[in-house]
Structures are given as C-alpha cells and as structure tokens.
Amino acid sequence: MGQHVRMGVLPRLPDRVANAPTLGPHQEVYWDAFQELTTCRALGFGGVGYIPWDAMSKYAEFYGFSHDAAQDFFTIIRFMDRAYVEWVDKQRKD
C-alpha cells in the first residue's frame, strides 16, 4: 500500500483525469461498447490492430440494433478506433 494511502491522504488526481469530460447516457453506450470491443483487436509486434468489423457486427446484432442504428454505431466505433490506434502508435514512437 502506498505511503499516501497508509497515512489517509489521497494523491492529487492528474489534470487529465480531474478535468475529463462527463459523458451523457447516449455517449456512454459507445464508450462501453468500445471498451468491450477493444478486447477483440489483433495485437502483435508492438502495435495494435483495428477492431474487426465482424466483432462490431456481432455486438450490434446481440444488442438488437436496427439497421440505421448499426450503421451509426459502426461509424462512431471506427472513428474512436482510428483515434485510439493513432494514439497508441504515437506513444510507441515517443
């Protein structure tokens, strides 16, 4: 156990955590899905792959998304996924 916790003093949260945006319920759906689907991505040689389409499709089917909702879901998850992969790649290079 860390010294701060033993003494009953919690360390200060990093600014990026303390000032993180609050997600609304409609946004949490996508964040939760992204967290689940990220476990389906291929990993290898120091990099990460993208979330496979079939994983997104199975997720949408399991939760009963309509065709239009599934299309929106794929678009949003792909956008999040691209940003995540770019971030991971940048971390590797720095």
PDB file of N, CA and C in Angstrom:
ATOM      1  N   MET A   1       0.863  -1.176   0.000  1.00  0.00           N
ATOM      2  CA  MET A   1       0.000   0.000   0.000  1.00  0.00           C
ATOM      3  C   MET A   1       0.901   1.228   0.000  1.00  0.00           C
ATOM      4  N   GLY A   2       0.556   2.228  -0.796  1.00  0.00           N
ATOM      5  CA  GLY A   2       1.367   3.434  -0.904  1.00  0.00           C
ATOM      6  C   GLY A   2       1.358   4.252   0.380  1.00  0.00           C
ATOM      7  N   GLN A   3       2.396   5.044   0.554  1.00  0.00           N
ATOM      8  CA  GLN A   3       2.548   5.853   1.760  1.00  0.00           C
ATOM      9  C   GLN A   3       1.382   6.816   1.948  1.00  0.00           C
ATOM     10  N   HIS A   4       0.925   7.455   0.853  1.00  0.00           N
ATOM     11  CA  HIS A   4      -0.186   8.402   0.961  1.00  0.00           C
ATOM     12  C   HIS A   4      -1.454   7.726   1.459  1.00  0.00           C
ATOM     13  N   VAL A   5      -1.722   6.530   0.951  1.00  0.00           N
ATOM     14  CA  VAL A   5      -2.937   5.826   1.332  1.00  0.00           C
ATOM     15  C   VAL A   5      -2.843   5.372   2.781  1.00  0.00           C
ATOM     16  N   ARG A   6      -1.679   4.880   3.196  1.00  0.00           N
ATOM     17  CA  ARG A   6      -1.483   4.458   4.585  1.00  0.00           C
ATOM     18  C   ARG A   6      -1.729   5.604   5.548  1.00  0.00           C
ATOM     19  N   MET A   7      -1.323   6.793   5.161  1.00  0.00           N
ATOM     20  CA  MET A   7      -1.470   7.957   6.035  1.00  0.00           C
ATOM     21  C   MET A   7      -2.871   8.556   5.926  1.00  0.00           C
ATOM     22  N   GLY A   8      -3.716   8.011   5.049  1.00  0.00           N
ATOM     23  CA  GLY A   8      -5.072   8.530   4.898  1.00  0.00           C
ATOM     24  C   GLY A   8      -5.155   9.736   3.980  1.00  0.00           C
ATOM     25  N   VAL A   9      -4.090  10.020   3.243  1.00  0.00           N
ATOM     26  CA  VAL A   9      -4.067  11.155   2.318  1.00  0.00           C
ATOM     27  C   VAL A   9      -4.055  10.593   0.902  1.00  0.00           C
ATOM     28  N   LEU A  10      -5.047  10.977   0.120  1.00  0.00           N
ATOM     29  CA  LEU A  10      -5.084  10.513  -1.257  1.00  0.00           C
ATOM     30  C   LEU A  10      -4.267  11.438  -2.142  1.00  0.00           C
ATOM     31  N   PRO A  11      -3.516  10.854  -3.104  1.00  0.00           N
ATOM     32  CA  PRO A  11      -2.755  11.711  -4.016  1.00  0.00           C
ATOM     33  C   PRO A  11      -3.689  12.517  -4.913  1.00  0.00           C
ATOM     34  N   ARG A  12      -3.203  13.640  -5.403  1.00  0.00           N
ATOM     35  CA  ARG A  12      -3.976  14.506  -6.292  1.00  0.00           C
ATOM     36  C   ARG A  12      -4.145  13.821  -7.632  1.00  0.00           C
ATOM     37  N   LEU A  13      -5.353  13.886  -8.180  1.00  0.00           N
ATOM     38  CA  LEU A  13      -5.616  13.305  -9.488  1.00  0.00           C
ATOM     39  C   LEU A  13      -4.900  14.100 -10.575  1.00  0.00           C
ATOM     40  N   PRO A  14      -4.366  13.416 -11.585  1.00  0.00           N
ATOM     41  CA  PRO A  14      -3.782  14.154 -12.711  1.00  0.00           C
ATOM     42  C   PRO A  14      -4.854  15.032 -13.361  1.00  0.00           C
ATOM     43  N   ASP A  15      -4.456  16.174 -13.908  1.00  0.00           N
ATOM     44  CA  ASP A  15      -5.400  17.101 -14.533  1.00  0.00           C
ATOM     45  C   ASP A  15      -6.253  16.435 -15.600  1.00  0.00           C
ATOM     46  N   ARG A  16      -5.651  15.550 -16.405  1.00  0.00           N
ATOM     47  CA  ARG A  16      -6.417  14.905 -17.486  1.00  0.00           C
ATOM     48  C   ARG A  16      -7.532  14.025 -16.927  1.00  0.00           C
ATOM     49  N   VAL A  17      -7.383  13.542 -15.701  1.00  0.00           N
ATOM     50  CA  VAL A  17      -8.430  12.740 -15.067  1.00  0.00           C
ATOM     51  C   VAL A  17      -9.421  13.651 -14.356  1.00  0.00           C
ATOM     52  N   ALA A  18      -8.898  14.601 -13.599  1.00  0.00           N
ATOM     53  CA  ALA A  18      -9.758  15.516 -12.839  1.00  0.00           C
ATOM     54  C   ALA A  18     -10.642  16.360 -13.749  1.00  0.00           C
ATOM     55  N   ASN A  19     -10.137  16.693 -14.941  1.00  0.00           N
ATOM     56  CA  ASN A  19     -10.873  17.554 -15.861  1.00  0.00           C
ATOM     57  C   ASN A  19     -11.471  16.789 -17.044  1.00  0.00           C
ATOM     58  N   ALA A  20     -11.594  15.481 -16.922  1.00  0.00           N
ATOM     59  CA  ALA A  20     -12.150  14.678 -18.007  1.00  0.00           C
ATOM     60  C   ALA A  20     -13.615  15.060 -18.236  1.00  0.00           C
ATOM     61  N   PRO A  21     -14.045  15.026 -19.484  1.00  0.00           N
ATOM     62  CA  PRO A  21     -15.448  15.368 -19.749  1.00  0.00           C
ATOM     63  C   PRO A  21     -16.391  14.328 -19.156  1.00  0.00           C
ATOM     64  N   THR A  22     -17.577  14.762 -18.812  1.00  0.00           N
ATOM     65  CA  THR A  22     -18.617  13.863 -18.338  1.00  0.00           C
ATOM     66  C   THR A  22     -19.402  13.374 -19.547  1.00  0.00           C
ATOM     67  N   LEU A  23     -19.572  12.076 -19.645  1.00  0.00           N
ATOM     68  CA  LEU A  23     -20.309  11.514 -20.767  1.00  0.00           C
ATOM     69  C   LEU A  23     -21.785  11.424 -20.435  1.00  0.00           C
ATOM     70  N   GLY A  24     -22.616  11.770 -21.414  1.00  0.00           N
ATOM     71  CA  GLY A  24     -24.051  11.593 -21.267  1.00  0.00           C
ATOM     72  C   GLY A  24     -24.413  10.138 -21.528  1.00  0.00           C
ATOM     73  N   PRO A  25     -25.620   9.730 -21.164  1.00  0.00           N
ATOM     74  CA  PRO A  25     -26.028   8.334 -21.354  1.00  0.00           C
ATOM     75  C   PRO A  25     -25.886   7.843 -22.798  1.00  0.00           C
ATOM     76  N   HIS A  26     -26.215   8.695 -23.772  1.00  0.00           N
ATOM     77  CA  HIS A  26     -26.099   8.279 -25.171  1.00  0.00           C
ATOM     78  C   HIS A  26     -24.650   8.122 -25.601  1.00  0.00           C
ATOM     79  N   GLN A  27     -23.727   8.798 -24.928  1.00  0.00           N
ATOM     80  CA  GLN A  27     -22.304   8.657 -25.231  1.00  0.00           C
ATOM     81  C   GLN A  27     -21.701   7.455 -24.506  1.00  0.00           C
ATOM     82  N   GLU A  28     -22.207   7.166 -23.311  1.00  0.00           N
ATOM     83  CA  GLU A  28     -21.689   6.038 -22.547  1.00  0.00           C
ATOM     84  C   GLU A  28     -21.906   4.716 -23.273  1.00  0.00           C
ATOM     85  N   VAL A  29     -22.975   4.620 -24.033  1.00  0.00           N
ATOM     86  CA  VAL A  29     -23.246   3.404 -24.801  1.00  0.00           C
ATOM     87  C   VAL A  29     -22.066   3.102 -25.715  1.00  0.00           C
ATOM     88  N   TYR A  30     -21.586   4.121 -26.422  1.00  0.00           N
ATOM     89  CA  TYR A  30     -20.468   3.926 -27.342  1.00  0.00           C
ATOM     90  C   TYR A  30     -19.172   3.674 -26.600  1.00  0.00           C
ATOM     91  N   TRP A  31     -18.952   4.369 -25.489  1.00  0.00           N
ATOM     92  CA  TRP A  31     -17.730   4.162 -24.709  1.00  0.00           C
ATOM     93  C   TRP A  31     -17.700   2.739 -24.152  1.00  0.00           C
ATOM     94  N   ASP A  32     -18.818   2.276 -23.601  1.00  0.00           N
ATOM     95  CA  ASP A  32     -18.883   0.917 -23.059  1.00  0.00           C
ATOM     96  C   ASP A  32     -18.648  -0.114 -24.166  1.00  0.00           C
ATOM     97  N   ALA A  33     -19.263   0.118 -25.331  1.00  0.00           N
ATOM     98  CA  ALA A  33     -19.075  -0.801 -26.462  1.00  0.00           C
ATOM     99  C   ALA A  33     -17.618  -0.813 -26.904  1.00  0.00           C
ATOM    100  N   PHE A  34     -17.011   0.354 -26.967  1.00  0.00           N
ATOM    101  CA  PHE A  34     -15.603   0.431 -27.374  1.00  0.00           C
ATOM    102  C   PHE A  34     -14.728  -0.336 -26.403  1.00  0.00           C
ATOM    103  N   GLN A  35     -14.994  -0.212 -25.112  1.00  0.00           N
ATOM    104  CA  GLN A  35     -14.211  -0.925 -24.105  1.00  0.00           C
ATOM    105  C   GLN A  35     -14.359  -2.442 -24.277  1.00  0.00           C
ATOM    106  N   GLU A  36     -15.547  -2.905 -24.579  1.00  0.00           N
ATOM    107  CA  GLU A  36     -15.764  -4.337 -24.811  1.00  0.00           C
ATOM    108  C   GLU A  36     -15.101  -4.785 -26.111  1.00  0.00           C
ATOM    109  N   LEU A  37     -15.301  -4.026 -27.167  1.00  0.00           N
ATOM    110  CA  LEU A  37     -14.802  -4.420 -28.477  1.00  0.00           C
ATOM    111  C   LEU A  37     -13.286  -4.325 -28.597  1.00  0.00           C
ATOM    112  N   THR A  38     -12.667  -3.498 -27.794  1.00  0.00           N
ATOM    113  CA  THR A  38     -11.214  -3.359 -27.879  1.00  0.00           C
ATOM    114  C   THR A  38     -10.516  -4.665 -27.527  1.00  0.00           C
ATOM    115  N   THR A  39     -11.209  -5.555 -26.821  1.00  0.00           N
ATOM    116  CA  THR A  39     -10.621  -6.859 -26.481  1.00  0.00           C
ATOM    117  C   THR A  39     -10.559  -7.779 -27.698  1.00  0.00           C
ATOM    118  N   CYS A  40     -11.213  -7.402 -28.786  1.00  0.00           N
ATOM    119  CA  CYS A  40     -11.261  -8.239 -29.993  1.00  0.00           C
ATOM    120  C   CYS A  40     -10.159  -7.889 -30.989  1.00  0.00           C
ATOM    121  N   ARG A  41      -9.449  -6.823 -30.750  1.00  0.00           N
ATOM    122  CA  ARG A  41      -8.460  -6.372 -31.735  1.00  0.00           C
ATOM    123  C   ARG A  41      -7.237  -7.287 -31.742  1.00  0.00           C
ATOM    124  N   ALA A  42      -6.585  -7.346 -32.882  1.00  0.00           N
ATOM    125  CA  ALA A  42      -5.355  -8.118 -33.011  1.00  0.00           C
ATOM    126  C   ALA A  42      -4.192  -7.320 -32.434  1.00  0.00           C
ATOM    127  N   LEU A  43      -3.318  -8.003 -31.755  1.00  0.00           N
ATOM    128  CA  LEU A  43      -2.118  -7.385 -31.195  1.00  0.00           C
ATOM    129  C   LEU A  43      -0.903  -8.107 -31.766  1.00  0.00           C
ATOM    130  N   GLY A  44       0.169  -7.359 -31.963  1.00  0.00           N
ATOM    131  CA  GLY A  44       1.373  -8.025 -32.426  1.00  0.00           C
ATOM    132  C   GLY A  44       2.486  -7.072 -32.770  1.00  0.00           C
ATOM    133  N   PHE A  45       3.697  -7.520 -32.515  1.00  0.00           N
ATOM    134  CA  PHE A  45       4.907  -6.788 -32.878  1.00  0.00           C
ATOM    135  C   PHE A  45       4.887  -5.333 -32.413  1.00  0.00           C
ATOM    136  N   GLY A  46       4.416  -5.109 -31.214  1.00  0.00           N
ATOM    137  CA  GLY A  46       4.448  -3.773 -30.626  1.00  0.00           C
ATOM    138  C   GLY A  46       3.339  -2.844 -31.066  1.00  0.00           C
ATOM    139  N   GLY A  47       2.428  -3.314 -31.879  1.00  0.00           N
ATOM    140  CA  GLY A  47       1.347  -2.456 -32.341  1.00  0.00           C
ATOM    141  C   GLY A  47      -0.003  -3.091 -32.087  1.00  0.00           C
ATOM    142  N   VAL A  48      -1.020  -2.330 -32.361  1.00  0.00           N
ATOM    143  CA  VAL A  48      -2.378  -2.848 -32.213  1.00  0.00           C
ATOM    144  C   VAL A  48      -3.085  -2.747 -33.552  1.00  0.00           C
ATOM    145  N   GLY A  49      -3.965  -3.689 -33.792  1.00  0.00           N
ATOM    146  CA  GLY A  49      -4.776  -3.661 -34.994  1.00  0.00           C
ATOM    147  C   GLY A  49      -6.109  -2.997 -34.704  1.00  0.00           C
ATOM    148  N   TYR A  50      -6.885  -2.872 -35.731  1.00  0.00           N
ATOM    149  CA  TYR A  50      -8.208  -2.271 -35.592  1.00  0.00           C
ATOM    150  C   TYR A  50      -9.216  -3.312 -35.100  1.00  0.00           C
ATOM    151  N   ILE A  51     -10.307  -2.847 -34.526  1.00  0.00           N
ATOM    152  CA  ILE A  51     -11.385  -3.731 -34.102  1.00  0.00           C
ATOM    153  C   ILE A  51     -12.000  -4.333 -35.371  1.00  0.00           C
ATOM    154  N   PRO A  52     -12.100  -5.648 -35.440  1.00  0.00           N
ATOM    155  CA  PRO A  52     -12.661  -6.276 -36.647  1.00  0.00           C
ATOM    156  C   PRO A  52     -14.143  -5.928 -36.842  1.00  0.00           C
ATOM    157  N   TRP A  53     -14.521  -5.800 -38.116  1.00  0.00           N
ATOM    158  CA  TRP A  53     -15.912  -5.485 -38.447  1.00  0.00           C
ATOM    159  C   TRP A  53     -16.855  -6.543 -37.908  1.00  0.00           C
ATOM    160  N   ASP A  54     -16.470  -7.824 -37.994  1.00  0.00           N
ATOM    161  CA  ASP A  54     -17.379  -8.875 -37.545  1.00  0.00           C
ATOM    162  C   ASP A  54     -17.650  -8.786 -36.047  1.00  0.00           C
ATOM    163  N   ALA A  55     -16.693  -8.307 -35.270  1.00  0.00           N
ATOM    164  CA  ALA A  55     -16.927  -8.118 -33.829  1.00  0.00           C
ATOM    165  C   ALA A  55     -17.949  -7.013 -33.598  1.00  0.00           C
ATOM    166  N   MET A  56     -17.819  -5.912 -34.360  1.00  0.00           N
ATOM    167  CA  MET A  56     -18.794  -4.825 -34.236  1.00  0.00           C
ATOM    168  C   MET A  56     -20.183  -5.294 -34.677  1.00  0.00           C
ATOM    169  N   SER A  57     -20.223  -6.067 -35.756  1.00  0.00           N
ATOM    170  CA  SER A  57     -21.492  -6.556 -36.276  1.00  0.00           C
ATOM    171  C   SER A  57     -22.179  -7.489 -35.272  1.00  0.00           C
ATOM    172  N   LYS A  58     -21.413  -8.391 -34.677  1.00  0.00           N
ATOM    173  CA  LYS A  58     -21.981  -9.305 -33.678  1.00  0.00           C
ATOM    174  C   LYS A  58     -22.486  -8.538 -32.460  1.00  0.00           C
ATOM    175  N   TYR A  59     -21.759  -7.503 -32.059  1.00  0.00           N
ATOM    176  CA  TYR A  59     -22.173  -6.683 -30.927  1.00  0.00           C
ATOM    177  C   TYR A  59     -23.512  -6.013 -31.226  1.00  0.00           C
ATOM    178  N   ALA A  60     -23.601  -5.406 -32.401  1.00  0.00           N
ATOM    179  CA  ALA A  60     -24.833  -4.717 -32.790  1.00  0.00           C
ATOM    180  C   ALA A  60     -26.006  -5.701 -32.884  1.00  0.00           C
ATOM    181  N   GLU A  61     -25.737  -6.872 -33.420  1.00  0.00           N
ATOM    182  CA  GLU A  61     -26.796  -7.884 -33.528  1.00  0.00           C
ATOM    183  C   GLU A  61     -27.226  -8.372 -32.147  1.00  0.00           C
ATOM    184  N   PHE A  62     -26.265  -8.629 -31.277  1.00  0.00           N
ATOM    185  CA  PHE A  62     -26.563  -9.116 -29.929  1.00  0.00           C
ATOM    186  C   PHE A  62     -27.463  -8.141 -29.175  1.00  0.00           C
ATOM    187  N   TYR A  63     -27.185  -6.846 -29.344  1.00  0.00           N
ATOM    188  CA  TYR A  63     -27.969  -5.834 -28.640  1.00  0.00           C
ATOM    189  C   TYR A  63     -29.187  -5.347 -29.426  1.00  0.00           C
ATOM    190  N   GLY A  64     -29.453  -5.959 -30.563  1.00  0.00           N
ATOM    191  CA  GLY A  64     -30.677  -5.679 -31.304  1.00  0.00           C
ATOM    192  C   GLY A  64     -30.735  -4.319 -31.966  1.00  0.00           C
ATOM    193  N   PHE A  65     -29.594  -3.806 -32.437  1.00  0.00           N
ATOM    194  CA  PHE A  65     -29.587  -2.517 -33.121  1.00  0.00           C
ATOM    195  C   PHE A  65     -30.366  -2.618 -34.433  1.00  0.00           C
ATOM    196  N   SER A  66     -31.109  -1.588 -34.760  1.00  0.00           N
ATOM    197  CA  SER A  66     -31.737  -1.519 -36.084  1.00  0.00           C
ATOM    198  C   SER A  66     -30.636  -1.310 -37.121  1.00  0.00           C
ATOM    199  N   HIS A  67     -31.003  -1.454 -38.401  1.00  0.00           N
ATOM    200  CA  HIS A  67     -30.016  -1.254 -39.468  1.00  0.00           C
ATOM    201  C   HIS A  67     -29.380   0.139 -39.384  1.00  0.00           C
ATOM    202  N   ASP A  68     -30.209   1.168 -39.242  1.00  0.00           N
ATOM    203  CA  ASP A  68     -29.695   2.545 -39.173  1.00  0.00           C
ATOM    204  C   ASP A  68     -28.839   2.760 -37.931  1.00  0.00           C
ATOM    205  N   ALA A  69     -29.287   2.231 -36.799  1.00  0.00           N
ATOM    206  CA  ALA A  69     -28.509   2.373 -35.568  1.00  0.00           C
ATOM    207  C   ALA A  69     -27.172   1.651 -35.689  1.00  0.00           C
ATOM    208  N   ALA A  70     -27.174   0.500 -36.347  1.00  0.00           N
ATOM    209  CA  ALA A  70     -25.929  -0.250 -36.541  1.00  0.00           C
ATOM    210  C   ALA A  70     -24.966   0.535 -37.429  1.00  0.00           C
ATOM    211  N   GLN A  71     -25.471   1.170 -38.475  1.00  0.00           N
ATOM    212  CA  GLN A  71     -24.603   1.972 -39.345  1.00  0.00           C
ATOM    213  C   GLN A  71     -23.970   3.126 -38.570  1.00  0.00           C
ATOM    214  N   ASP A  72     -24.766   3.800 -37.761  1.00  0.00           N
ATOM    215  CA  ASP A  72     -24.222   4.871 -36.920  1.00  0.00           C
ATOM    216  C   ASP A  72     -23.187   4.311 -35.949  1.00  0.00           C
ATOM    217  N   PHE A  73     -23.501   3.176 -35.352  1.00  0.00           N
ATOM    218  CA  PHE A  73     -22.601   2.520 -34.407  1.00  0.00           C
ATOM    219  C   PHE A  73     -21.260   2.204 -35.059  1.00  0.00           C
ATOM    220  N   PHE A  74     -21.281   1.598 -36.261  1.00  0.00           N
ATOM    221  CA  PHE A  74     -20.040   1.271 -36.957  1.00  0.00           C
ATOM    222  C   PHE A  74     -19.216   2.527 -37.215  1.00  0.00           C
ATOM    223  N   THR A  75     -19.868   3.592 -37.646  1.00  0.00           N
ATOM    224  CA  THR A  75     -19.170   4.842 -37.942  1.00  0.00           C
ATOM    225  C   THR A  75     -18.495   5.410 -36.697  1.00  0.00           C
ATOM    226  N   ILE A  76     -19.224   5.449 -35.601  1.00  0.00           N
ATOM    227  CA  ILE A  76     -18.692   6.032 -34.370  1.00  0.00           C
ATOM    228  C   ILE A  76     -17.576   5.167 -33.797  1.00  0.00           C
ATOM    229  N   ILE A  77     -17.772   3.853 -33.751  1.00  0.00           N
ATOM    230  CA  ILE A  77     -16.735   2.963 -33.210  1.00  0.00           C
ATOM    231  C   ILE A  77     -15.489   3.005 -34.083  1.00  0.00           C
ATOM    232  N   ARG A  78     -15.651   3.045 -35.398  1.00  0.00           N
ATOM    233  CA  ARG A  78     -14.475   3.144 -36.288  1.00  0.00           C
ATOM    234  C   ARG A  78     -13.716   4.452 -36.047  1.00  0.00           C
ATOM    235  N   PHE A  79     -14.447   5.535 -35.856  1.00  0.00           N
ATOM    236  CA  PHE A  79     -13.804   6.824 -35.576  1.00  0.00           C
ATOM    237  C   PHE A  79     -13.006   6.732 -34.272  1.00  0.00           C
ATOM    238  N   MET A  80     -13.620   6.190 -33.233  1.00  0.00           N
ATOM    239  CA  MET A  80     -12.937   6.030 -31.946  1.00  0.00           C
ATOM    240  C   MET A  80     -11.721   5.115 -32.098  1.00  0.00           C
ATOM    241  N   ASP A  81     -11.887   4.048 -32.862  1.00  0.00           N
ATOM    242  CA  ASP A  81     -10.826   3.071 -33.045  1.00  0.00           C
ATOM    243  C   ASP A  81      -9.623   3.678 -33.772  1.00  0.00           C
ATOM    244  N   ARG A  82      -9.890   4.439 -34.830  1.00  0.00           N
ATOM    245  CA  ARG A  82      -8.791   5.104 -35.550  1.00  0.00           C
ATOM    246  C   ARG A  82      -8.022   6.026 -34.624  1.00  0.00           C
ATOM    247  N   ALA A  83      -8.748   6.808 -33.827  1.00  0.00           N
ATOM    248  CA  ALA A  83      -8.087   7.725 -32.889  1.00  0.00           C
ATOM    249  C   ALA A  83      -7.252   6.948 -31.881  1.00  0.00           C
ATOM    250  N   TYR A  84      -7.774   5.829 -31.393  1.00  0.00           N
ATOM    251  CA  TYR A  84      -7.037   5.019 -30.418  1.00  0.00           C
ATOM    252  C   TYR A  84      -5.772   4.433 -31.032  1.00  0.00           C
ATOM    253  N   VAL A  85      -5.876   3.852 -32.230  1.00  0.00           N
ATOM    254  CA  VAL A  85      -4.710   3.250 -32.880  1.00  0.00           C
ATOM    255  C   VAL A  85      -3.656   4.317 -33.176  1.00  0.00           C
ATOM    256  N   GLU A  86      -4.087   5.480 -33.627  1.00  0.00           N
ATOM    257  CA  GLU A  86      -3.131   6.567 -33.870  1.00  0.00           C
ATOM    258  C   GLU A  86      -2.447   6.977 -32.569  1.00  0.00           C
ATOM    259  N   TRP A  87      -3.201   7.039 -31.475  1.00  0.00           N
ATOM    260  CA  TRP A  87      -2.632   7.403 -30.175  1.00  0.00           C
ATOM    261  C   TRP A  87      -1.610   6.355 -29.731  1.00  0.00           C
ATOM    262  N   VAL A  88      -1.944   5.073 -29.866  1.00  0.00           N
ATOM    263  CA  VAL A  88      -1.010   4.009 -29.479  1.00  0.00           C
ATOM    264  C   VAL A  88       0.262   4.091 -30.315  1.00  0.00           C
ATOM    265  N   ASP A  89       0.116   4.291 -31.624  1.00  0.00           N
ATOM    266  CA  ASP A  89       1.283   4.412 -32.494  1.00  0.00           C
ATOM    267  C   ASP A  89       2.160   5.589 -32.090  1.00  0.00           C
ATOM    268  N   LYS A  90       1.548   6.700 -31.750  1.00  0.00           N
ATOM    269  CA  LYS A  90       2.314   7.877 -31.326  1.00  0.00           C
ATOM    270  C   LYS A  90       3.057   7.601 -30.016  1.00  0.00           C
ATOM    271  N   GLN A  91       2.416   6.896 -29.094  1.00  0.00           N
ATOM    272  CA  GLN A  91       3.058   6.552 -27.824  1.00  0.00           C
ATOM    273  C   GLN A  91       4.286   5.684 -28.054  1.00  0.00           C
ATOM    274  N   ARG A  92       4.180   4.777 -29.003  1.00  0.00           N
ATOM    275  CA  ARG A  92       5.312   3.889 -29.315  1.00  0.00           C
ATOM    276  C   ARG A  92       6.490   4.674 -29.871  1.00  0.00           C
ATOM    277  N   LYS A  93       6.203   5.711 -30.673  1.00  0.00           N
ATOM    278  CA  LYS A  93       7.261   6.483 -31.317  1.00  0.00           C
ATOM    279  C   LYS A  93       7.931   7.477 -30.383  1.00  0.00           C
ATOM    280  N   ASP A  94       7.203   7.930 -29.374  1.00  0.00           N
ATOM    281  CA  ASP A  94       7.754   8.960 -28.449  1.00  0.00           C
ATOM    282  C   ASP A  94       8.693   8.365 -27.438  1.00  0.00           C
TER     283      ASP A  94
END
